[in-house]
């Protein structure tokens, strides 16, 4: 049976857990071959994605290193014939006031959350242009459009991702390559769970800790889920999404409507 993305290869950075894995599973269900990326033993995740029948690979590139990103794209070309769909998802977080923010943490967040998007994009674009089709989807954040106390590096990086998305969207506007960003609000990832755990550690009831975190920002009082993000990625990969270009698409339970 032909599925919407049969014959396409998707590379999703930071895809061995959380948002990245949810997106990878959605793409695999739609028939895409998948290149997963992340640290550690990926055998369980590979098996989970393989159940949908496509070809699945894994590359352990540390995306803070441009040379390792280049090696990952060379692997994609060698083993899969290149990348048709690039999802720049890898990200890390650190919370501290600006004057206390460790310089090495700033550098690593900018490298992983922003510079990796540039490097993976610049290396993927020539192949997409040659094939006459491509989709670049950058996982930004509501923090690409608003600030939050203590998140200087993350907010700066995600604002940068949206700016880069706009430029690439314009530079590819007359082609069949599109570039867009999706901007999730709170998603129950390990990064967000840590913020809930910190509240629990200070004596707050677990359910109350989750409610309080959501109530601060997200009017729906519900988390965005990785499968919901995956479905949005599929829309942006479809013909219906072909004129969505350089957009920053909010999926945030109403956060930015306030």
Protein backbone atom coordinates (compact mmCIF):
# COMPACT_ATOMS: atom_id res chain seq x y z
CA UNK A 1 0.00 0.00 0.00
CA UNK A 2 1.33 3.43 -0.92
CA UNK A 3 1.45 5.85 2.00
CA UNK A 4 1.82 9.65 1.78
CA UNK A 5 5.59 9.72 2.34
CA UNK A 6 6.58 6.44 0.67
CA UNK A 7 10.05 6.75 -0.78
CA UNK A 8 10.95 9.82 1.28
CA UNK A 9 13.70 9.84 3.89
CA UNK A 10 13.36 11.90 7.06
CA UNK A 11 16.15 12.87 9.43
CA UNK A 12 14.98 13.91 12.91
CA UNK A 13 17.63 15.22 15.28
CA UNK A 14 17.26 14.42 18.96
CA UNK A 15 14.78 11.66 18.14
CA UNK A 16 15.50 8.89 20.65
CA UNK A 17 12.91 10.28 23.11
CA UNK A 18 10.27 12.93 23.67
CA UNK A 19 9.15 15.28 20.91
CA UNK A 20 11.68 13.97 18.39
CA UNK A 21 10.58 10.37 18.81
CA UNK A 22 6.90 11.35 18.55
CA UNK A 23 7.60 13.13 15.26
CA UNK A 24 9.71 10.23 13.98
CA UNK A 25 6.91 7.76 14.71
CA UNK A 26 4.37 9.93 12.85
CA UNK A 27 6.65 10.16 9.82
CA UNK A 28 7.28 6.41 9.88
CA UNK A 29 3.53 5.69 10.03
CA UNK A 30 3.16 7.87 6.92
CA UNK A 31 5.66 5.66 5.09
CA UNK A 32 8.92 7.61 5.39
CA UNK A 33 12.28 6.01 5.94
CA UNK A 34 13.82 7.37 9.12
CA UNK A 35 17.25 8.42 10.28
CA UNK A 36 17.19 8.77 14.04
CA UNK A 37 19.74 10.78 15.99
CA UNK A 38 20.65 10.77 19.65
CA UNK A 39 23.04 9.45 22.26
CA UNK A 40 23.17 6.01 23.85
CA UNK A 41 21.78 2.63 22.84
CA UNK A 42 19.08 3.29 20.25
CA UNK A 43 18.12 -0.35 19.61
CA UNK A 44 14.75 -0.15 21.40
CA UNK A 45 13.76 3.05 19.60
CA UNK A 46 14.89 1.67 16.22
CA UNK A 47 12.69 -1.39 16.78
CA UNK A 48 9.74 0.84 17.71
CA UNK A 49 10.08 2.87 14.50
CA UNK A 50 10.77 -0.20 12.33
CA UNK A 51 7.38 -1.71 13.11
CA UNK A 52 5.90 0.55 10.42
CA UNK A 53 7.90 -1.15 7.71
CA UNK A 54 10.28 1.52 6.46
CA UNK A 55 14.06 1.55 6.48
CA UNK A 56 15.44 2.89 9.76
CA UNK A 57 18.94 4.06 10.59
CA UNK A 58 20.59 5.81 13.51
CA UNK A 59 23.49 8.23 13.69
CA UNK A 60 24.88 9.29 17.10
CA UNK A 61 26.12 12.73 16.01
CA UNK A 62 26.62 15.29 18.76
CA UNK A 63 24.90 18.17 17.00
CA UNK A 64 26.93 20.74 18.91
CA UNK A 65 29.80 19.74 16.58
CA UNK A 66 29.50 20.84 12.92
CA UNK A 67 31.89 18.07 11.82
CA UNK A 68 29.63 15.40 13.34
CA UNK A 69 26.58 16.95 11.66
CA UNK A 70 28.45 16.78 8.33
CA UNK A 71 29.25 13.11 9.02
CA UNK A 72 25.57 12.44 9.74
CA UNK A 73 24.50 14.03 6.44
CA UNK A 74 27.18 12.05 4.60
CA UNK A 75 25.78 8.89 6.23
CA UNK A 76 22.29 9.89 5.04
CA UNK A 77 23.54 10.34 1.49
CA UNK A 78 25.48 7.10 1.51
CA UNK A 79 22.87 4.84 3.12
CA UNK A 80 19.56 6.50 2.14
CA UNK A 81 20.29 8.60 -0.94
CA UNK A 82 19.99 11.84 1.00
CA UNK A 83 17.43 13.62 3.13
CA UNK A 84 13.99 14.70 1.86
CA UNK A 85 12.58 15.83 5.21
CA UNK A 86 14.78 17.46 7.84
CA UNK A 87 13.34 17.98 11.31
CA UNK A 88 15.68 20.03 13.48
CA UNK A 89 14.50 19.07 16.93
CA UNK A 90 17.53 18.57 19.20
CA UNK A 91 17.59 20.92 22.16
CA UNK A 92 18.79 21.43 25.72
CA UNK A 93 17.86 23.84 28.50
CA UNK A 94 19.44 25.59 31.48
CA UNK A 95 17.75 28.04 33.81
CA UNK A 96 19.65 30.86 35.52
CA UNK A 97 19.61 34.65 35.75
CA UNK A 98 21.67 36.38 33.06
CA UNK A 99 24.38 37.54 35.45
CA UNK A 100 24.71 34.01 36.85
CA UNK A 101 24.40 32.14 33.55
CA UNK A 102 27.44 29.86 33.05
CA UNK A 103 29.24 30.83 29.86
CA UNK A 104 29.79 27.21 28.85
CA UNK A 105 26.04 26.54 29.23
CA UNK A 106 25.24 29.54 27.01
CA UNK A 107 27.67 28.26 24.37
CA UNK A 108 26.30 24.71 24.40
CA UNK A 109 22.65 25.83 24.21
CA UNK A 110 23.36 28.15 21.27
CA UNK A 111 25.37 25.39 19.55
CA UNK A 112 22.73 22.67 19.94
CA UNK A 113 19.50 24.70 19.76
CA UNK A 114 20.49 27.18 17.02
CA UNK A 115 23.78 26.53 15.23
CA UNK A 116 22.91 22.88 14.58
CA UNK A 117 19.79 24.03 12.73
CA UNK A 118 21.95 26.17 10.44
CA UNK A 119 24.50 23.43 9.79
CA UNK A 120 21.96 20.65 9.12
CA UNK A 121 19.96 22.97 6.87
CA UNK A 122 22.89 24.23 4.80
CA UNK A 123 24.06 20.65 4.25
CA UNK A 124 20.59 19.31 3.35
CA UNK A 125 19.44 22.06 1.01
CA UNK A 126 21.59 21.23 -2.04
CA UNK A 127 20.24 17.67 -2.18
CA UNK A 128 16.65 18.85 -1.76
CA UNK A 129 17.08 21.40 -4.54
CA UNK A 130 18.60 18.73 -6.80
CA UNK A 131 15.63 16.40 -6.18
CA UNK A 132 13.13 19.22 -6.64
CA UNK A 133 11.38 18.60 -3.31
CA UNK A 134 12.13 19.02 0.37
CA UNK A 135 10.71 19.92 3.74
CA UNK A 136 12.67 21.58 6.55
CA UNK A 137 10.79 21.79 9.83
CA UNK A 138 12.43 23.44 12.80
CA UNK A 139 11.13 22.70 16.29
CA UNK A 140 11.26 26.16 17.82
CA UNK A 141 9.08 27.04 20.83
CA UNK A 142 6.70 29.65 22.13
CA UNK A 143 9.97 30.92 23.60
CA UNK A 144 10.93 31.82 20.05
CA UNK A 145 8.29 34.57 20.30
CA UNK A 146 8.10 35.52 23.99
CA UNK A 147 10.55 35.57 26.88
CA UNK A 148 10.61 33.85 30.27
CA UNK A 149 12.72 34.70 33.29
CA UNK A 150 15.87 32.61 33.64
CA UNK A 151 15.91 31.24 30.10
CA UNK A 152 18.20 33.70 28.32
CA UNK A 153 20.08 31.21 26.15
CA UNK A 154 17.05 29.10 25.27
CA UNK A 155 14.91 32.13 24.38
CA UNK A 156 17.72 33.71 22.35
CA UNK A 157 18.32 30.46 20.48
CA UNK A 158 14.64 29.85 19.71
CA UNK A 159 14.17 33.44 18.52
CA UNK A 160 17.15 32.79 16.26
CA UNK A 161 15.59 29.59 14.92
CA UNK A 162 12.46 31.49 13.87
CA UNK A 163 14.57 34.17 12.18
CA UNK A 164 16.60 31.55 10.32
CA UNK A 165 13.36 29.80 9.32
CA UNK A 166 12.07 33.00 7.72
CA UNK A 167 15.28 33.51 5.74
CA UNK A 168 15.36 29.93 4.45
CA UNK A 169 11.64 30.16 3.67
CA UNK A 170 12.33 33.20 1.50
CA UNK A 171 15.41 31.73 -0.14
CA UNK A 172 13.46 28.62 -1.17
CA UNK A 173 10.20 30.42 -2.01
CA UNK A 174 10.25 29.67 -5.75
CA UNK A 175 11.16 26.01 -5.27
CA UNK A 176 9.39 22.89 -4.04
CA UNK A 177 11.40 23.11 -0.82
CA UNK A 178 9.68 24.68 2.18
CA UNK A 179 11.01 25.71 5.57
CA UNK A 180 8.81 26.30 8.60
CA UNK A 181 8.99 26.29 12.38
CA UNK A 182 6.58 24.78 14.87
CA UNK A 183 6.30 26.45 18.26
CA UNK A 184 5.12 24.11 21.02
CA UNK A 185 4.03 25.29 24.41
CA UNK A 186 4.46 22.96 27.37
CA UNK A 187 5.04 19.37 26.27
CA UNK A 188 5.60 16.77 28.98
CA UNK A 189 9.21 16.02 28.03
CA UNK A 190 12.08 15.23 30.44
CA UNK A 191 12.99 18.95 30.36
CA UNK A 192 9.50 19.95 31.54
CA UNK A 193 9.19 17.05 33.98
CA UNK A 194 12.29 18.36 35.75
CA UNK A 195 10.53 21.68 36.35
CA UNK A 196 7.55 19.80 37.83
CA UNK A 197 9.88 17.67 39.95
CA UNK A 198 11.55 20.80 41.31
CA UNK A 199 8.15 22.01 42.52
CA UNK A 200 7.38 18.61 44.06
CA UNK A 201 10.75 18.68 45.84
CA UNK A 202 9.72 21.96 47.49
CA UNK A 203 6.66 20.23 48.99
CA UNK A 204 3.96 20.75 46.35
CA UNK A 205 1.52 17.89 45.60
CA UNK A 206 2.40 16.26 42.22
CA UNK A 207 -0.97 17.01 40.59
CA UNK A 208 -0.90 20.55 41.94
CA UNK A 209 2.67 21.01 40.69
CA UNK A 210 1.62 20.05 37.16
CA UNK A 211 -1.50 22.24 37.31
CA UNK A 212 0.46 25.24 38.60
CA UNK A 213 3.07 24.93 35.86
CA UNK A 214 0.41 24.83 33.14
CA UNK A 215 -1.69 27.58 34.74
CA UNK A 216 1.21 30.03 34.59
CA UNK A 217 1.34 29.99 30.78
CA UNK A 218 -0.99 27.52 29.01
CA UNK A 219 -4.72 28.37 29.19
CA UNK A 220 -5.88 24.93 28.04
CA UNK A 221 -4.33 23.45 31.21
CA UNK A 222 -3.31 20.49 29.06
CA UNK A 223 0.08 19.51 27.70
CA UNK A 224 0.72 19.48 23.97
CA UNK A 225 1.60 15.88 23.01
CA UNK A 226 4.37 14.55 20.74
CA UNK A 227 1.79 12.82 18.47
CA UNK A 228 0.00 16.16 17.97
CA UNK A 229 3.31 17.72 16.94
CA UNK A 230 3.91 14.76 14.63
CA UNK A 231 0.57 15.33 12.89
CA UNK A 232 1.45 19.00 12.36
CA UNK A 233 4.74 17.94 10.78
CA UNK A 234 2.81 15.61 8.44
CA UNK A 235 0.57 18.49 7.38
CA UNK A 236 3.61 20.64 6.59
CA UNK A 237 5.01 17.75 4.52
CA UNK A 238 1.77 17.40 2.55
CA UNK A 239 0.66 19.15 -0.62
CA UNK A 240 -1.85 21.08 1.50
CA UNK A 241 1.10 22.62 3.34
CA UNK A 242 3.09 23.53 0.25
CA UNK A 243 2.36 27.25 0.51
CA UNK A 244 3.15 27.47 4.21
CA UNK A 245 6.58 29.09 3.97
CA UNK A 246 8.71 30.74 6.60
CA UNK A 247 5.94 30.39 9.18
CA UNK A 248 6.19 29.97 12.94
CA UNK A 249 3.18 27.80 13.77
CA UNK A 250 1.98 27.98 17.38
CA UNK A 251 0.71 24.80 19.02
CA UNK A 252 0.60 25.98 22.59
CA UNK A 253 -2.80 25.60 24.27
CA UNK A 254 -3.45 29.32 23.87
CA UNK A 255 -0.18 30.56 25.44
CA UNK A 256 0.48 33.21 22.78
CA UNK A 257 -3.16 34.27 22.47
CA UNK A 258 -2.94 36.02 25.86
